Amino acid sequence: MTHPYPLKETPLAKEGLIWFIIATTLAIVNWLASVGAYSELPGGTGKLFLLHVIYSYFVFLHILAMVALFRITIWKHIRTLRNLFQEAVGMLFAFIGFSGAMVNLQWFGEWAHGLFFPAIEFAFSFSDSIIQLFVLFAVIAATGVFSISYYTMRLNLKDSYRIHVESERLRNELETAREMQMGIMPSEAPAMSGFDIAGFCIPATEVGGDYFDYIWLDDTRSKLGLAIADVSGKGMKAAMTAVMLSGMLHAQSARDKKTEDILGSVNSPMCRKTDPGMFIAMLFGILDSRSGTFTYTNAGQMPPLLYSNGEVCELSVQDVRLPVGVKAGVNYNSDSVALKSGDVLFLYTDGVNEAMNEQRELFGLERLNQSLAEAVRKESSSEGLAHLQSKIDEFTCAQARHDDITMVMIRRSKDGNGEYRKPEPQKNNK
């Protein structure tokens, strides 16, 4: 089992400082234990203390050298494994260093003792005190491991707290972005004579930049502007761009009367105000209840789908479809479609057809066409959208979404006697 991310380790300099403190402490303990035998010699107490310090530092320099070798050669290969295995390998290197120190201490100890106390004969034998030395190593190792583990734990706790604070900040930012995103979208469907209109946006796990809106263009409510957009990027930046787009659309819709002029007027300031690389794939259309026509300009958005006479077809666009915010001075064009009684127009963002299942298969246009043909049999546009969403959830097994899903359905619901007429059964498409 591996950690999801490597834990922090004690820096080598800090570990060296810990070993230095342990070495000094053990030197003091050993000095206190043997000071009585040398107290009568001139300067014996001070010399003995210095001798024990030299012994301790000699041993711990060997251990530290092996720890450094362990860090340089092996640590990077095992740092993501279990802590117990890390410590076992580290202890093995420390023991090798300790054993080397004991062997070298046989000649170094005699030389150092002779330097400070030439009148006293001294012979250091590793084999004579092997049990005591192993006990000493166990004490040293336990003290060192505890000290280093404690310091490492503090490092990781501090880092975990920092990550927690950062996660909370990001969570609050995403929540604010989500509220901003949903706040600019309509809370209810528009009541338009002769049409049944419904739409919704389901935010992804990460806040995206989908946006849709209804804008009344006259006092008689016979002309309705419909916008559906997908802002590139995610999070606060995408949400802020969607808010800015909403304000510009409402302002320009009050001045301009053609969809291509509205998008052209929005495009130039968006190019200036958004960051390089950000853009908005969007469609803006005007629905005229008197003529039954839907006039629209598509700027890089998914082509609308039209259900008419039992068939689903894609309304392709031959002219410029460059997204808003990519290039200033773009001349957009418009297309129109006449909606007959029983026709259904479907607008959507790419989060619909690009919904993905566990096998990483896309929902795709073919499934969308089939699901739309079923959805139009429902009693209302809102029920039809609910059916489409259930089909997407069934396909994806309700996995976490990584892109917003936005859909708008428009039904021409008025026939000769003013009542809604259900569409005819679907024809088989070849």
Protein backbone atom coordinates (compact mmCIF):
# COMPACT_ATOMS: atom_id res chain seq x y z
CA MET A 1 0.00 0.00 0.00
CA THR A 2 1.34 3.43 -0.91
CA HIS A 3 0.56 6.87 0.36
CA PRO A 4 -1.53 9.07 -1.97
CA TYR A 5 1.28 11.60 -1.72
CA PRO A 6 4.76 11.39 -0.13
CA LEU A 7 4.84 12.48 3.47
CA LYS A 8 7.33 15.11 4.52
CA GLU A 9 10.54 13.84 6.07
CA THR A 10 12.85 15.45 8.57
CA PRO A 11 15.54 17.45 6.71
CA LEU A 12 18.99 15.89 6.96
CA ALA A 13 20.35 18.96 8.76
CA LYS A 14 17.59 18.69 11.36
CA GLU A 15 18.20 14.97 11.75
CA GLY A 16 21.90 15.66 12.22
CA LEU A 17 21.05 18.20 14.92
CA ILE A 18 18.88 15.61 16.70
CA TRP A 19 21.69 13.04 16.61
CA PHE A 20 24.12 15.72 17.85
CA ILE A 21 21.90 16.44 20.86
CA ILE A 22 21.58 12.70 21.60
CA ALA A 23 25.37 12.26 21.33
CA THR A 24 26.00 15.14 23.71
CA THR A 25 23.44 13.79 26.18
CA LEU A 26 24.98 10.31 26.15
CA ALA A 27 28.45 11.82 26.60
CA ILE A 28 27.23 13.62 29.71
CA VAL A 29 25.61 10.43 31.06
CA ASN A 30 28.77 8.37 30.49
CA TRP A 31 30.92 11.11 32.01
CA LEU A 32 28.77 11.25 35.16
CA ALA A 33 28.95 7.45 35.46
CA SER A 34 32.76 7.32 35.33
CA VAL A 35 33.89 10.68 36.69
CA GLY A 36 34.67 9.28 40.16
CA ALA A 37 37.63 7.20 38.95
CA TYR A 38 39.37 10.23 37.41
CA SER A 39 38.45 12.97 39.88
CA GLU A 40 41.79 12.86 41.73
CA LEU A 41 43.87 13.38 38.59
CA PRO A 42 44.90 16.94 37.69
CA GLY A 43 42.25 18.22 35.31
CA GLY A 44 40.80 14.73 35.21
CA THR A 45 37.16 15.75 35.37
CA GLY A 46 37.38 18.16 32.43
CA LYS A 47 39.58 15.87 30.36
CA LEU A 48 37.26 12.93 30.97
CA PHE A 49 34.24 14.97 29.88
CA LEU A 50 36.01 16.01 26.69
CA LEU A 51 37.06 12.40 26.06
CA HIS A 52 33.48 11.13 26.36
CA VAL A 53 32.27 13.89 24.04
CA ILE A 54 34.88 12.84 21.47
CA TYR A 55 33.84 9.18 21.81
CA SER A 56 30.14 10.02 21.33
CA TYR A 57 30.73 12.30 18.35
CA PHE A 58 33.01 9.72 16.77
CA VAL A 59 30.26 7.08 16.98
CA PHE A 60 27.50 9.39 15.82
CA LEU A 61 29.50 10.69 12.88
CA HIS A 62 29.59 7.11 11.63
CA ILE A 63 25.83 6.76 12.13
CA LEU A 64 25.10 10.11 10.48
CA ALA A 65 27.30 9.22 7.51
CA MET A 66 25.29 6.03 6.95
CA VAL A 67 21.99 7.90 7.39
CA ALA A 68 23.13 10.41 4.76
CA LEU A 69 24.08 7.53 2.45
CA PHE A 70 20.64 6.00 3.05
CA ARG A 71 18.94 9.28 2.15
CA ILE A 72 20.99 9.75 -1.01
CA THR A 73 20.78 6.21 -2.40
CA ILE A 74 17.65 4.41 -1.20
CA TRP A 75 15.24 6.87 0.41
CA LYS A 76 13.78 8.20 -2.84
CA HIS A 77 12.82 4.64 -3.87
CA ILE A 78 11.01 3.69 -0.64
CA ARG A 79 9.65 7.02 0.64
CA THR A 80 6.07 6.18 -0.45
CA LEU A 81 6.04 2.77 1.27
CA ARG A 82 4.85 1.92 4.75
CA ASN A 83 6.54 3.84 7.57
CA LEU A 84 7.57 0.58 9.29
CA PHE A 85 9.53 -0.55 6.24
CA GLN A 86 11.15 2.88 5.92
CA GLU A 87 12.28 2.79 9.55
CA ALA A 88 13.55 -0.80 9.26
CA VAL A 89 15.79 0.05 6.31
CA GLY A 90 16.93 3.25 8.00
CA MET A 91 17.74 1.34 11.19
CA LEU A 92 19.76 -1.20 9.20
CA PHE A 93 21.93 1.59 7.80
CA ALA A 94 22.25 3.17 11.25
CA PHE A 95 23.32 -0.20 12.71
CA ILE A 96 25.94 -0.62 10.00
CA GLY A 97 27.27 2.82 10.90
CA PHE A 98 27.24 1.96 14.61
CA SER A 99 29.06 -1.34 14.02
CA GLY A 100 31.70 0.42 11.95
CA ALA A 101 32.13 2.97 14.72
CA MET A 102 32.64 0.23 17.31
CA VAL A 103 35.31 -1.44 15.20
CA ASN A 104 37.11 1.85 14.58
CA LEU A 105 36.71 2.83 18.22
CA GLN A 106 39.14 0.04 19.22
CA TRP A 107 42.10 1.99 17.84
CA PHE A 108 40.58 5.47 18.09
CA GLY A 109 39.54 4.98 21.75
CA GLU A 110 43.02 3.84 22.77
CA TRP A 111 44.64 6.72 20.89
CA ALA A 112 42.29 9.37 22.36
CA HIS A 113 42.59 7.97 25.90
CA GLY A 114 46.37 7.92 25.61
CA LEU A 115 46.32 11.52 24.45
CA PHE A 116 44.40 12.74 27.52
CA PHE A 117 45.61 10.23 30.12
CA PRO A 118 49.04 8.88 29.05
CA ALA A 119 49.77 7.58 32.54
CA ILE A 120 46.74 5.29 32.60
CA GLU A 121 46.83 2.16 30.47
CA PHE A 122 43.62 1.61 28.52
CA ALA A 123 42.55 -1.13 26.10
CA PHE A 124 39.22 -0.94 24.29
CA SER A 125 37.84 -4.31 23.12
CA PHE A 126 34.69 -4.57 21.02
CA SER A 127 34.33 -8.32 21.67
CA ASP A 128 34.55 -7.92 25.46
CA SER A 129 31.58 -5.61 25.68
CA ILE A 130 29.42 -6.68 22.76
CA ILE A 131 26.24 -7.14 24.86
CA GLN A 132 26.61 -3.73 26.48
CA LEU A 133 27.25 -2.17 23.09
CA PHE A 134 24.13 -3.71 21.59
CA VAL A 135 22.12 -2.46 24.55
CA LEU A 136 23.67 0.95 24.05
CA PHE A 137 22.77 0.87 20.36
CA ALA A 138 19.19 -0.07 21.20
CA VAL A 139 18.94 2.90 23.57
CA ILE A 140 20.51 5.22 21.01
CA ALA A 141 18.32 3.93 18.18
CA ALA A 142 15.11 4.13 20.20
CA THR A 143 15.91 7.66 21.32
CA GLY A 144 16.85 8.76 17.81
CA VAL A 145 13.85 7.16 16.11
CA PHE A 146 11.46 8.63 18.67
CA SER A 147 12.96 12.10 18.33
CA ILE A 148 13.00 12.05 14.54
CA SER A 149 9.52 10.50 14.29
CA TYR A 150 8.15 13.13 16.67
CA TYR A 151 9.70 15.94 14.65
CA THR A 152 8.47 14.39 11.39
CA MET A 153 4.97 14.04 12.86
CA ARG A 154 4.98 17.73 13.73
CA LEU A 155 6.08 18.58 10.20
CA ASN A 156 3.27 16.52 8.67
CA LEU A 157 0.66 17.80 11.12
CA LYS A 158 1.65 21.34 10.25
CA ASP A 159 1.50 20.52 6.55
CA SER A 160 -1.86 18.75 6.97
CA TYR A 161 -3.27 21.79 8.74
CA ARG A 162 -2.04 24.03 5.93
CA ILE A 163 -3.64 21.73 3.35
CA HIS A 164 -6.87 21.68 5.38
CA VAL A 165 -6.97 25.49 5.53
CA GLU A 166 -6.27 25.72 1.80
CA SER A 167 -8.97 23.12 1.05
CA GLU A 168 -11.48 25.06 3.13
CA ARG A 169 -10.58 28.24 1.28
CA LEU A 170 -11.02 26.54 -2.09
CA ARG A 171 -14.28 24.94 -0.97
CA ASN A 172 -15.66 28.31 0.11
CA GLU A 173 -14.49 29.87 -3.15
CA LEU A 174 -16.16 27.13 -5.19
CA GLU A 175 -19.34 27.47 -3.17
CA THR A 176 -19.37 31.21 -3.80
CA ALA A 177 -18.71 30.60 -7.50
CA ARG A 178 -21.56 28.08 -7.63
CA GLU A 179 -23.95 30.56 -5.98
CA MET A 180 -22.90 33.26 -8.43
CA GLN A 181 -23.32 30.89 -11.35
CA MET A 182 -26.81 29.76 -10.32
CA GLY A 183 -27.86 33.28 -9.28
CA ILE A 184 -27.69 34.69 -12.82
CA MET A 185 -29.86 31.92 -14.29
CA PRO A 186 -33.67 32.02 -14.38
CA SER A 187 -35.55 30.48 -11.49
CA GLU A 188 -38.71 29.84 -13.51
CA ALA A 189 -39.70 29.20 -17.10
CA PRO A 190 -41.08 32.06 -19.21
CA ALA A 191 -44.81 32.00 -19.98
CA MET A 192 -45.00 32.59 -23.73
CA SER A 193 -48.14 32.24 -25.79
CA GLY A 194 -48.06 29.18 -28.01
CA PHE A 195 -44.85 27.72 -26.56
CA ASP A 196 -43.82 25.44 -23.72
CA ILE A 197 -40.28 26.31 -22.60
CA ALA A 198 -38.13 24.74 -19.90
CA GLY A 199 -34.45 24.73 -19.06
CA PHE A 200 -32.00 23.90 -16.32
CA CYS A 201 -28.31 23.77 -15.48
CA ILE A 202 -26.78 21.07 -13.28
CA PRO A 203 -23.36 22.19 -12.03
CA ALA A 204 -20.49 19.74 -12.14
CA THR A 205 -18.49 18.58 -9.13
CA GLU A 206 -16.07 21.36 -10.00
CA VAL A 207 -17.86 24.59 -10.77
CA GLY A 208 -17.85 25.15 -14.51
CA GLY A 209 -19.04 28.07 -16.58
CA ASP A 210 -22.35 26.99 -18.11
CA TYR A 211 -25.01 29.67 -18.32
CA PHE A 212 -28.48 30.05 -19.81
CA ASP A 213 -31.01 32.82 -19.63
CA TYR A 214 -34.31 34.19 -20.95
CA ILE A 215 -34.56 37.88 -21.88
CA TRP A 216 -37.85 39.53 -22.84
CA LEU A 217 -37.26 41.87 -25.77
CA ASP A 218 -40.60 43.72 -25.95
CA ASP A 219 -43.39 44.85 -23.67
CA THR A 220 -45.94 42.51 -25.27
CA ARG A 221 -43.76 39.48 -24.49
CA SER A 222 -44.01 38.23 -28.03
CA LYS A 223 -40.22 38.12 -28.51
CA LEU A 224 -37.96 36.21 -26.17
CA GLY A 225 -34.18 36.12 -26.23
CA LEU A 226 -32.64 32.78 -25.26
CA ALA A 227 -28.97 32.41 -24.41
CA ILE A 228 -27.03 29.24 -23.69
CA ALA A 229 -23.29 29.41 -23.12
CA ASP A 230 -20.28 27.47 -21.88
CA VAL A 231 -17.42 29.54 -20.48
CA SER A 232 -14.01 27.89 -20.75
CA GLY A 233 -12.31 27.02 -17.49
CA LYS A 234 -13.73 26.33 -14.05
CA GLY A 235 -14.08 27.87 -10.63
CA MET A 236 -14.35 31.52 -9.69
CA LYS A 237 -12.86 32.83 -12.94
CA ALA A 238 -15.44 31.01 -15.08
CA ALA A 239 -18.28 32.10 -12.79
CA MET A 240 -17.17 35.74 -12.89
CA THR A 241 -16.95 35.61 -16.69
CA ALA A 242 -20.48 34.19 -16.86
CA VAL A 243 -21.75 37.01 -14.62
CA MET A 244 -20.05 39.58 -16.87
CA LEU A 245 -21.54 37.93 -19.96
CA SER A 246 -25.03 38.00 -18.44
CA GLY A 247 -24.82 41.73 -17.76
CA MET A 248 -23.58 42.49 -21.26
CA LEU A 249 -26.28 40.38 -22.90
CA HIS A 250 -29.06 42.12 -21.00
CA ALA A 251 -27.61 45.53 -21.84
CA GLN A 252 -27.08 44.82 -25.54
CA SER A 253 -30.44 43.11 -25.97
CA ALA A 254 -32.11 46.37 -24.98
CA ARG A 255 -30.30 48.19 -27.82
CA ASP A 256 -29.78 45.75 -30.68
CA LYS A 257 -32.56 43.75 -32.28
CA LYS A 258 -30.60 41.19 -34.28
CA THR A 259 -28.83 38.19 -32.77
CA GLU A 260 -25.68 38.72 -34.83
CA ASP A 261 -25.46 42.36 -33.71
CA ILE A 262 -25.97 41.41 -30.06
CA LEU A 263 -23.17 38.84 -30.12
CA GLY A 264 -20.93 41.19 -32.09
CA SER A 265 -21.47 43.91 -29.48
CA VAL A 266 -20.70 41.47 -26.66
CA ASN A 267 -17.66 39.94 -28.36
CA SER A 268 -15.39 43.01 -28.51
CA PRO A 269 -15.50 43.95 -24.79
CA MET A 270 -15.21 40.29 -23.80
CA CYS A 271 -11.99 40.07 -25.83
CA ARG A 272 -10.61 43.01 -23.87
CA LYS A 273 -11.78 41.97 -20.41
CA THR A 274 -11.12 38.22 -20.35
CA ASP A 275 -7.74 36.55 -19.97
CA PRO A 276 -5.98 35.24 -23.07
CA GLY A 277 -7.09 31.69 -23.74
CA MET A 278 -10.53 32.18 -22.20
CA PHE A 279 -13.55 32.10 -24.50
CA ILE A 280 -17.30 31.55 -24.46
CA ALA A 281 -19.02 29.04 -26.71
CA MET A 282 -22.56 30.34 -26.90
CA LEU A 283 -25.77 30.53 -28.85
CA PHE A 284 -28.16 33.46 -28.71
CA GLY A 285 -31.56 33.25 -30.34
CA ILE A 286 -34.79 35.20 -30.55
CA LEU A 287 -38.08 33.33 -30.43
CA ASP A 288 -41.00 35.18 -32.07
CA SER A 289 -44.35 33.83 -30.87
CA ARG A 290 -46.27 35.61 -33.63
CA SER A 291 -44.37 34.12 -36.55
CA GLY A 292 -43.22 30.95 -34.79
CA THR A 293 -39.63 31.48 -35.95
CA PHE A 294 -36.47 31.05 -33.97
CA THR A 295 -33.64 33.23 -35.26
CA TYR A 296 -30.25 32.46 -33.78
CA THR A 297 -26.52 33.07 -33.98
CA ASN A 298 -24.23 30.22 -33.01
CA ALA A 299 -20.78 31.21 -31.74
CA GLY A 300 -19.08 27.88 -31.17
CA GLN A 301 -21.93 26.23 -29.25
CA MET A 302 -23.39 22.78 -29.90
CA PRO A 303 -25.78 22.91 -32.90
CA PRO A 304 -29.47 22.87 -31.86
CA LEU A 305 -31.48 19.70 -32.43
CA LEU A 306 -34.91 19.94 -34.03
CA TYR A 307 -37.60 17.29 -33.64
CA SER A 308 -40.10 17.66 -36.48
CA ASN A 309 -42.40 15.18 -38.22
CA GLY A 310 -41.06 12.30 -36.14
CA GLU A 311 -37.41 12.93 -36.99
CA VAL A 312 -34.49 14.48 -35.14
CA CYS A 313 -32.11 16.61 -37.16
CA GLU A 314 -29.18 18.85 -36.36
CA LEU A 315 -29.42 22.51 -37.37
CA SER A 316 -26.02 23.00 -38.95
CA VAL A 317 -24.43 26.42 -39.39
CA GLN A 318 -22.45 27.24 -42.50
CA ASP A 319 -21.15 30.64 -41.40
CA VAL A 320 -18.61 31.78 -38.79
CA ARG A 321 -18.91 29.92 -35.46
CA LEU A 322 -15.94 31.44 -33.65
CA PRO A 323 -16.60 31.55 -29.87
CA VAL A 324 -17.08 34.89 -28.16
CA GLY A 325 -13.90 36.38 -26.70
CA VAL A 326 -11.46 34.75 -29.12
CA LYS A 327 -11.04 37.52 -31.69
CA ALA A 328 -12.33 41.08 -31.81
CA GLY A 329 -14.18 42.39 -34.85
CA VAL A 330 -15.83 39.10 -35.82
CA ASN A 331 -18.87 39.51 -38.08
CA TYR A 332 -21.45 36.98 -36.97
CA ASN A 333 -24.40 35.81 -39.04
CA SER A 334 -27.79 34.42 -38.15
CA ASP A 335 -29.95 31.49 -39.17
CA SER A 336 -33.68 30.92 -38.73
CA VAL A 337 -35.97 27.95 -38.34
CA ALA A 338 -39.76 28.02 -38.52
CA LEU A 339 -41.30 25.93 -35.77
CA LYS A 340 -44.51 24.19 -36.70
CA SER A 341 -47.10 22.89 -34.28
CA GLY A 342 -45.64 19.92 -32.40
CA ASP A 343 -42.02 20.77 -33.25
CA VAL A 344 -39.46 20.63 -30.47
CA LEU A 345 -36.22 22.60 -30.44
CA PHE A 346 -33.47 21.42 -28.11
CA LEU A 347 -30.47 23.52 -27.02
CA TYR A 348 -27.65 22.03 -24.96
CA THR A 349 -24.00 22.33 -23.94
CA ASP A 350 -21.29 19.73 -24.51
CA GLY A 351 -21.68 18.38 -20.98
CA VAL A 352 -24.69 16.46 -22.34
CA ASN A 353 -23.19 14.57 -25.27
CA GLU A 354 -19.78 14.27 -23.57
CA ALA A 355 -21.13 12.69 -20.38
CA MET A 356 -18.92 9.68 -19.69
CA ASN A 357 -19.55 6.27 -18.14
CA GLU A 358 -17.19 3.99 -16.20
CA GLN A 359 -15.79 2.58 -19.46
CA ARG A 360 -14.97 6.15 -20.54
CA GLU A 361 -17.52 5.99 -23.34
CA LEU A 362 -19.31 9.20 -24.30
CA PHE A 363 -23.07 9.55 -24.25
CA GLY A 364 -22.75 10.78 -27.81
CA LEU A 365 -25.07 12.32 -30.38
CA GLU A 366 -26.72 9.03 -31.38
CA ARG A 367 -27.90 8.27 -27.83
CA LEU A 368 -28.95 11.90 -27.43
CA ASN A 369 -31.10 11.75 -30.58
CA GLN A 370 -32.78 8.54 -29.40
CA SER A 371 -33.38 9.95 -25.92
CA LEU A 372 -34.76 13.20 -27.35
CA ALA A 373 -37.21 11.26 -29.53
CA GLU A 374 -38.46 9.61 -26.32
CA ALA A 375 -38.47 12.85 -24.34
CA VAL A 376 -40.81 14.67 -26.74
CA ARG A 377 -43.53 12.12 -25.92
CA LYS A 378 -43.72 13.50 -22.38
CA GLU A 379 -46.51 15.85 -21.36
CA SER A 380 -44.33 18.96 -20.99
CA SER A 381 -40.90 20.34 -21.75
CA SER A 382 -39.87 20.07 -18.10
CA GLU A 383 -40.84 16.38 -18.05
CA GLY A 384 -38.98 15.88 -21.31
CA LEU A 385 -35.81 17.38 -19.84
CA ALA A 386 -36.21 15.22 -16.73
CA HIS A 387 -36.38 12.16 -19.01
CA LEU A 388 -33.20 13.21 -20.81
CA GLN A 389 -31.40 13.71 -17.51
CA SER A 390 -32.51 10.29 -16.28
CA LYS A 391 -31.09 8.74 -19.45
CA ILE A 392 -27.75 10.48 -18.89
CA ASP A 393 -27.66 9.39 -15.23
CA GLU A 394 -28.51 5.83 -16.26
CA PHE A 395 -25.67 5.85 -18.80
CA THR A 396 -23.08 7.34 -16.43
CA CYS A 397 -24.31 5.37 -13.39
CA ALA A 398 -24.70 8.75 -11.66
CA GLN A 399 -20.92 9.24 -11.47
CA ALA A 400 -19.52 12.59 -10.39
CA ARG A 401 -19.85 15.05 -13.27
CA HIS A 402 -16.76 16.90 -14.47
CA ASP A 403 -18.68 19.30 -16.71
CA ASP A 404 -21.90 21.22 -16.29
CA ILE A 405 -25.03 19.95 -18.01
CA THR A 406 -27.32 22.63 -19.43
CA MET A 407 -30.42 21.98 -21.53
CA VAL A 408 -33.28 24.10 -22.89
CA MET A 409 -36.34 22.65 -24.60
CA ILE A 410 -38.78 24.72 -26.69
CA ARG A 411 -42.09 23.22 -27.91
CA ARG A 412 -44.40 24.81 -30.42
CA SER A 413 -47.54 23.95 -28.51
CA LYS A 414 -50.32 25.79 -30.29
CA ASP A 415 -52.37 24.26 -33.07
CA GLY A 416 -55.50 25.50 -34.81
CA ASN A 417 -57.71 25.42 -31.71
CA GLY A 418 -55.08 26.80 -29.36
CA GLU A 419 -54.22 23.55 -27.57
CA TYR A 420 -51.01 21.62 -27.34
CA ARG A 421 -50.76 18.70 -29.75
CA LYS A 422 -48.37 15.85 -28.99
CA PRO A 423 -45.78 15.08 -31.67
CA GLU A 424 -46.28 12.17 -34.03
CA PRO A 425 -44.54 8.83 -33.33
CA GLN A 426 -40.89 8.73 -34.31
CA LYS A 427 -39.98 7.54 -37.78
CA ASN A 428 -37.10 5.14 -38.29
CA ASN A 429 -34.00 7.04 -39.39
CA LYS A 430 -31.79 5.34 -41.92
